[in-house]
Amino acid sequence: MVLVSVTRLHLLSPRYFPGFLWHTALSSWQIINIPGFLRGKLAFDKQGGAWTISIWETESVMRQYRNSGAHRQAMRYLPRWCDEAAVVHWQQEDTTLPEASEAYRRMVSEGHFTKVLQPSDNHQKRQIPEPPLPKAVPLYPRKKSKSTASQYGTPTLNLHD
């Protein structure tokens, strides 16, 4: 079993976009370098919401990423910069990224809304706009652990044998 994590953030104002983009880049660098991250993608919906879908070996690895480094720094800005923020997690058998429709279905039925200082009408009504557009930026781990490498059939090199 692996953990799927889906988030959706919407910025309160375009003036926060440069900072958001910077923190997204730093957090993306962090995620592809953390052991236990298996794959993911970043996408935007028609309302300008930013979606992340990621798959993790375990929930504890995902929490380690979430609570450290660049991602932890970025989360400090979320309540001020966003007027909508939601997250959902679930377990699944395989490492296939869910389709946008599945991420949306889960977000609507099981999602948790994060506190923001100036919530939009959608956030207050607990409504999630349409799922992300089909185009997305894929995220892959830079260094594969032995368990990740074996899942994908990738040979590992052991220099000590």
C-alpha atoms as a PDB file:
ATOM      1  CA  MET A   1       0.000   0.000   0.000  1.00  0.00           C
ATOM      2  CA  VAL A   2       1.119   3.534  -0.750  1.00  0.00           C
ATOM      3  CA  LEU A   3      -0.218   6.903   0.367  1.00  0.00           C
ATOM      4  CA  VAL A   4      -1.765   9.315  -2.123  1.00  0.00           C
ATOM      5  CA  SER A   5      -1.784  12.973  -1.119  1.00  0.00           C
ATOM      6  CA  VAL A   6      -3.778  15.587  -3.044  1.00  0.00           C
ATOM      7  CA  THR A   7      -3.768  19.302  -2.274  1.00  0.00           C
ATOM      8  CA  ARG A   8      -5.479  22.285  -3.859  1.00  0.00           C
ATOM      9  CA  LEU A   9      -4.534  25.889  -3.139  1.00  0.00           C
ATOM     10  CA  HIS A  10      -5.969  29.065  -4.610  1.00  0.00           C
ATOM     11  CA  LEU A  11      -4.235  32.417  -4.179  1.00  0.00           C
ATOM     12  CA  LEU A  12      -6.155  35.328  -2.713  1.00  0.00           C
ATOM     13  CA  SER A  13      -4.431  37.767  -5.089  1.00  0.00           C
ATOM     14  CA  PRO A  14      -2.131  37.632  -8.141  1.00  0.00           C
ATOM     15  CA  ARG A  15       0.397  39.697  -6.160  1.00  0.00           C
ATOM     16  CA  TYR A  16       1.275  36.518  -4.233  1.00  0.00           C
ATOM     17  CA  PHE A  17       2.078  34.550  -7.386  1.00  0.00           C
ATOM     18  CA  PRO A  18       5.833  35.333  -7.564  1.00  0.00           C
ATOM     19  CA  GLY A  19       6.344  34.216  -3.962  1.00  0.00           C
ATOM     20  CA  PHE A  20       4.096  31.198  -4.499  1.00  0.00           C
ATOM     21  CA  LEU A  21       6.061  30.221  -7.599  1.00  0.00           C
ATOM     22  CA  TRP A  22       9.362  30.569  -5.704  1.00  0.00           C
ATOM     23  CA  HIS A  23       8.167  28.406  -2.816  1.00  0.00           C
ATOM     24  CA  THR A  24       6.689  25.869  -5.247  1.00  0.00           C
ATOM     25  CA  ALA A  25      10.078  25.562  -6.952  1.00  0.00           C
ATOM     26  CA  LEU A  26      11.885  25.085  -3.632  1.00  0.00           C
ATOM     27  CA  SER A  27       9.307  22.578  -2.384  1.00  0.00           C
ATOM     28  CA  SER A  28       9.470  20.694  -5.697  1.00  0.00           C
ATOM     29  CA  TRP A  29      13.244  20.422  -5.368  1.00  0.00           C
ATOM     30  CA  GLN A  30      12.779  19.122  -1.835  1.00  0.00           C
ATOM     31  CA  ILE A  31      10.136  16.560  -2.812  1.00  0.00           C
ATOM     32  CA  ILE A  32      12.124  14.966  -5.633  1.00  0.00           C
ATOM     33  CA  ASN A  33      15.097  14.541  -3.317  1.00  0.00           C
ATOM     34  CA  ILE A  34      13.367  13.016  -0.283  1.00  0.00           C
ATOM     35  CA  PRO A  35      13.537   9.235   0.110  1.00  0.00           C
ATOM     36  CA  GLY A  36      10.088   7.660   0.023  1.00  0.00           C
ATOM     37  CA  PHE A  37       8.575  10.013  -2.562  1.00  0.00           C
ATOM     38  CA  LEU A  38       7.509   7.845  -5.500  1.00  0.00           C
ATOM     39  CA  ARG A  39       5.982  10.225  -8.054  1.00  0.00           C
ATOM     40  CA  GLY A  40       3.683  13.182  -8.443  1.00  0.00           C
ATOM     41  CA  LYS A  41       2.417  16.014 -10.588  1.00  0.00           C
ATOM     42  CA  LEU A  42       1.524  19.693 -10.379  1.00  0.00           C
ATOM     43  CA  ALA A  43      -1.467  21.117 -12.266  1.00  0.00           C
ATOM     44  CA  PHE A  44      -3.756  24.136 -12.417  1.00  0.00           C
ATOM     45  CA  ASP A  45      -7.525  24.170 -12.730  1.00  0.00           C
ATOM     46  CA  LYS A  46      -9.646  26.609 -14.741  1.00  0.00           C
ATOM     47  CA  GLN A  47     -10.117  28.855 -11.692  1.00  0.00           C
ATOM     48  CA  GLY A  48      -6.364  29.191 -11.134  1.00  0.00           C
ATOM     49  CA  GLY A  49      -6.175  26.680  -8.301  1.00  0.00           C
ATOM     50  CA  ALA A  50      -2.881  24.813  -7.933  1.00  0.00           C
ATOM     51  CA  TRP A  51      -3.193  21.043  -7.454  1.00  0.00           C
ATOM     52  CA  THR A  52      -0.527  18.611  -6.318  1.00  0.00           C
ATOM     53  CA  ILE A  53      -0.957  14.875  -6.494  1.00  0.00           C
ATOM     54  CA  SER A  54       1.815  12.815  -4.934  1.00  0.00           C
ATOM     55  CA  ILE A  55       2.442   9.200  -4.007  1.00  0.00           C
ATOM     56  CA  TRP A  56       4.515   8.160  -0.997  1.00  0.00           C
ATOM     57  CA  GLU A  57       5.885   4.901   0.359  1.00  0.00           C
ATOM     58  CA  THR A  58       4.342   5.691   3.770  1.00  0.00           C
ATOM     59  CA  GLU A  59       2.348   8.387   5.519  1.00  0.00           C
ATOM     60  CA  SER A  60       5.265   9.057   7.882  1.00  0.00           C
ATOM     61  CA  VAL A  61       7.556   9.871   4.938  1.00  0.00           C
ATOM     62  CA  MET A  62       4.964  12.302   3.562  1.00  0.00           C
ATOM     63  CA  ARG A  63       4.614  13.951   6.979  1.00  0.00           C
ATOM     64  CA  GLN A  64       8.403  14.254   7.247  1.00  0.00           C
ATOM     65  CA  TYR A  65       8.417  16.137   3.924  1.00  0.00           C
ATOM     66  CA  ARG A  66       5.418  18.274   4.885  1.00  0.00           C
ATOM     67  CA  ASN A  67       6.886  19.321   8.233  1.00  0.00           C
ATOM     68  CA  SER A  68      10.447  20.106   7.149  1.00  0.00           C
ATOM     69  CA  GLY A  69      12.606  22.205   4.867  1.00  0.00           C
ATOM     70  CA  ALA A  70      11.236  24.332   2.065  1.00  0.00           C
ATOM     71  CA  HIS A  71       7.718  22.936   2.355  1.00  0.00           C
ATOM     72  CA  ARG A  72       7.473  23.879   6.019  1.00  0.00           C
ATOM     73  CA  GLN A  73       8.643  27.406   5.186  1.00  0.00           C
ATOM     74  CA  ALA A  74       6.062  27.685   2.384  1.00  0.00           C
ATOM     75  CA  MET A  75       3.230  26.563   4.667  1.00  0.00           C
ATOM     76  CA  ARG A  76       3.790  29.643   6.847  1.00  0.00           C
ATOM     77  CA  TYR A  77       2.377  31.783   4.022  1.00  0.00           C
ATOM     78  CA  LEU A  78      -0.649  29.617   3.231  1.00  0.00           C
ATOM     79  CA  PRO A  79      -3.156  31.272   5.629  1.00  0.00           C
ATOM     80  CA  ARG A  80      -2.294  34.787   4.341  1.00  0.00           C
ATOM     81  CA  TRP A  81      -1.757  34.056   0.649  1.00  0.00           C
ATOM     82  CA  CYS A  82      -4.603  31.609  -0.017  1.00  0.00           C
ATOM     83  CA  ASP A  83      -8.352  32.053   0.038  1.00  0.00           C
ATOM     84  CA  GLU A  84      -8.942  28.332  -0.623  1.00  0.00           C
ATOM     85  CA  ALA A  85      -6.924  25.374   0.660  1.00  0.00           C
ATOM     86  CA  ALA A  86      -7.873  21.713   0.887  1.00  0.00           C
ATOM     87  CA  VAL A  87      -6.146  18.348   1.227  1.00  0.00           C
ATOM     88  CA  VAL A  88      -7.089  14.692   1.054  1.00  0.00           C
ATOM     89  CA  HIS A  89      -5.109  11.473   1.643  1.00  0.00           C
ATOM     90  CA  TRP A  90      -5.894   7.835   0.933  1.00  0.00           C
ATOM     91  CA  GLN A  91      -4.176   4.479   0.649  1.00  0.00           C
ATOM     92  CA  GLN A  92      -4.047   2.491  -2.585  1.00  0.00           C
ATOM     93  CA  GLU A  93      -2.405  -0.695  -3.788  1.00  0.00           C
ATOM     94  CA  ASP A  94      -0.366   0.549  -6.751  1.00  0.00           C
ATOM     95  CA  THR A  95       1.823   3.553  -7.557  1.00  0.00           C
ATOM     96  CA  THR A  96      -0.310   4.792 -10.439  1.00  0.00           C
ATOM     97  CA  LEU A  97      -1.172   8.478 -10.128  1.00  0.00           C
ATOM     98  CA  PRO A  98      -4.926   8.912  -9.901  1.00  0.00           C
ATOM     99  CA  GLU A  99      -6.749  10.634 -12.719  1.00  0.00           C
ATOM    100  CA  ALA A 100      -7.923  14.201 -12.115  1.00  0.00           C
ATOM    101  CA  SER A 101     -11.510  12.962 -11.830  1.00  0.00           C
ATOM    102  CA  GLU A 102     -10.577  10.564  -8.990  1.00  0.00           C
ATOM    103  CA  ALA A 103      -8.564  13.257  -7.172  1.00  0.00           C
ATOM    104  CA  TYR A 104     -11.542  15.600  -7.497  1.00  0.00           C
ATOM    105  CA  ARG A 105     -14.050  12.961  -6.333  1.00  0.00           C
ATOM    106  CA  ARG A 106     -11.941  12.203  -3.254  1.00  0.00           C
ATOM    107  CA  MET A 107     -11.348  15.883  -2.523  1.00  0.00           C
ATOM    108  CA  VAL A 108     -15.097  16.599  -2.635  1.00  0.00           C
ATOM    109  CA  SER A 109     -16.143  13.589  -0.555  1.00  0.00           C
ATOM    110  CA  GLU A 110     -13.236  13.254   1.917  1.00  0.00           C
ATOM    111  CA  GLY A 111     -11.229  16.485   1.717  1.00  0.00           C
ATOM    112  CA  HIS A 112     -10.179  18.575   4.696  1.00  0.00           C
ATOM    113  CA  PHE A 113     -10.265  22.370   4.394  1.00  0.00           C
ATOM    114  CA  THR A 114      -7.282  24.200   5.847  1.00  0.00           C
ATOM    115  CA  LYS A 115      -7.711  27.453   7.759  1.00  0.00           C
ATOM    116  CA  VAL A 116      -7.157  30.596   5.684  1.00  0.00           C
ATOM    117  CA  LEU A 117      -7.478  34.187   6.920  1.00  0.00           C
ATOM    118  CA  GLN A 118      -9.683  35.468   4.082  1.00  0.00           C
ATOM    119  CA  PRO A 119     -11.702  32.485   2.826  1.00  0.00           C
ATOM    120  CA  SER A 120     -13.484  32.716  -0.512  1.00  0.00           C
ATOM    121  CA  ASP A 121     -17.167  31.841  -0.897  1.00  0.00           C
ATOM    122  CA  ASN A 122     -16.130  28.420  -2.250  1.00  0.00           C
ATOM    123  CA  HIS A 123     -13.979  27.773   0.811  1.00  0.00           C
ATOM    124  CA  GLN A 124     -16.718  28.866   3.221  1.00  0.00           C
ATOM    125  CA  LYS A 125     -19.262  26.657   1.442  1.00  0.00           C
ATOM    126  CA  ARG A 126     -16.768  23.758   1.316  1.00  0.00           C
ATOM    127  CA  GLN A 127     -16.964  23.639  -2.475  1.00  0.00           C
ATOM    128  CA  ILE A 128     -14.105  22.460  -4.684  1.00  0.00           C
ATOM    129  CA  PRO A 129     -14.019  23.790  -8.253  1.00  0.00           C
ATOM    130  CA  GLU A 130     -13.476  21.535 -11.265  1.00  0.00           C
ATOM    131  CA  PRO A 131     -10.513  19.160 -11.308  1.00  0.00           C
ATOM    132  CA  PRO A 132      -7.145  20.121 -12.789  1.00  0.00           C
ATOM    133  CA  LEU A 133      -6.605  20.473 -16.489  1.00  0.00           C
ATOM    134  CA  PRO A 134      -5.078  17.434 -18.229  1.00  0.00           C
ATOM    135  CA  LYS A 135      -1.717  19.142 -18.670  1.00  0.00           C
ATOM    136  CA  ALA A 136       0.502  18.756 -15.628  1.00  0.00           C
ATOM    137  CA  VAL A 137       4.151  18.964 -14.650  1.00  0.00           C
ATOM    138  CA  PRO A 138       5.350  15.487 -13.665  1.00  0.00           C
ATOM    139  CA  LEU A 139       7.537  14.975 -10.600  1.00  0.00           C
ATOM    140  CA  TYR A 140       9.866  11.987 -10.237  1.00  0.00           C
ATOM    141  CA  PRO A 141      12.371  11.163  -7.515  1.00  0.00           C
ATOM    142  CA  ARG A 142      15.970  12.072  -8.368  1.00  0.00           C
ATOM    143  CA  LYS A 143      17.427   9.163  -6.439  1.00  0.00           C
ATOM    144  CA  LYS A 144      15.521   5.946  -6.188  1.00  0.00           C
ATOM    145  CA  SER A 145      15.614   3.852  -3.069  1.00  0.00           C
ATOM    146  CA  LYS A 146      16.039   0.103  -3.510  1.00  0.00           C
ATOM    147  CA  SER A 147      12.321  -0.437  -2.899  1.00  0.00           C
ATOM    148  CA  THR A 148      11.385   2.271  -5.415  1.00  0.00           C
ATOM    149  CA  ALA A 149      13.859   0.961  -7.976  1.00  0.00           C
ATOM    150  CA  SER A 150      12.523  -2.587  -7.697  1.00  0.00           C
ATOM    151  CA  GLN A 151       8.925  -1.338  -8.116  1.00  0.00           C
ATOM    152  CA  TYR A 152       9.808   0.265 -11.413  1.00  0.00           C
ATOM    153  CA  GLY A 153      12.131  -2.505 -12.540  1.00  0.00           C
ATOM    154  CA  THR A 154      15.116  -0.161 -12.412  1.00  0.00           C
ATOM    155  CA  PRO A 155      18.443  -1.848 -11.726  1.00  0.00           C
ATOM    156  CA  THR A 156      20.370  -0.616  -8.716  1.00  0.00           C
ATOM    157  CA  LEU A 157      24.111  -0.271  -8.600  1.00  0.00           C
ATOM    158  CA  ASN A 158      25.891  -1.524  -5.514  1.00  0.00           C
ATOM    159  CA  LEU A 159      29.530  -0.426  -5.505  1.00  0.00           C
ATOM    160  CA  HIS A 160      30.399  -2.529  -2.480  1.00  0.00           C
ATOM    161  CA  ASP A 161      29.815  -6.003  -4.034  1.00  0.00           C
END
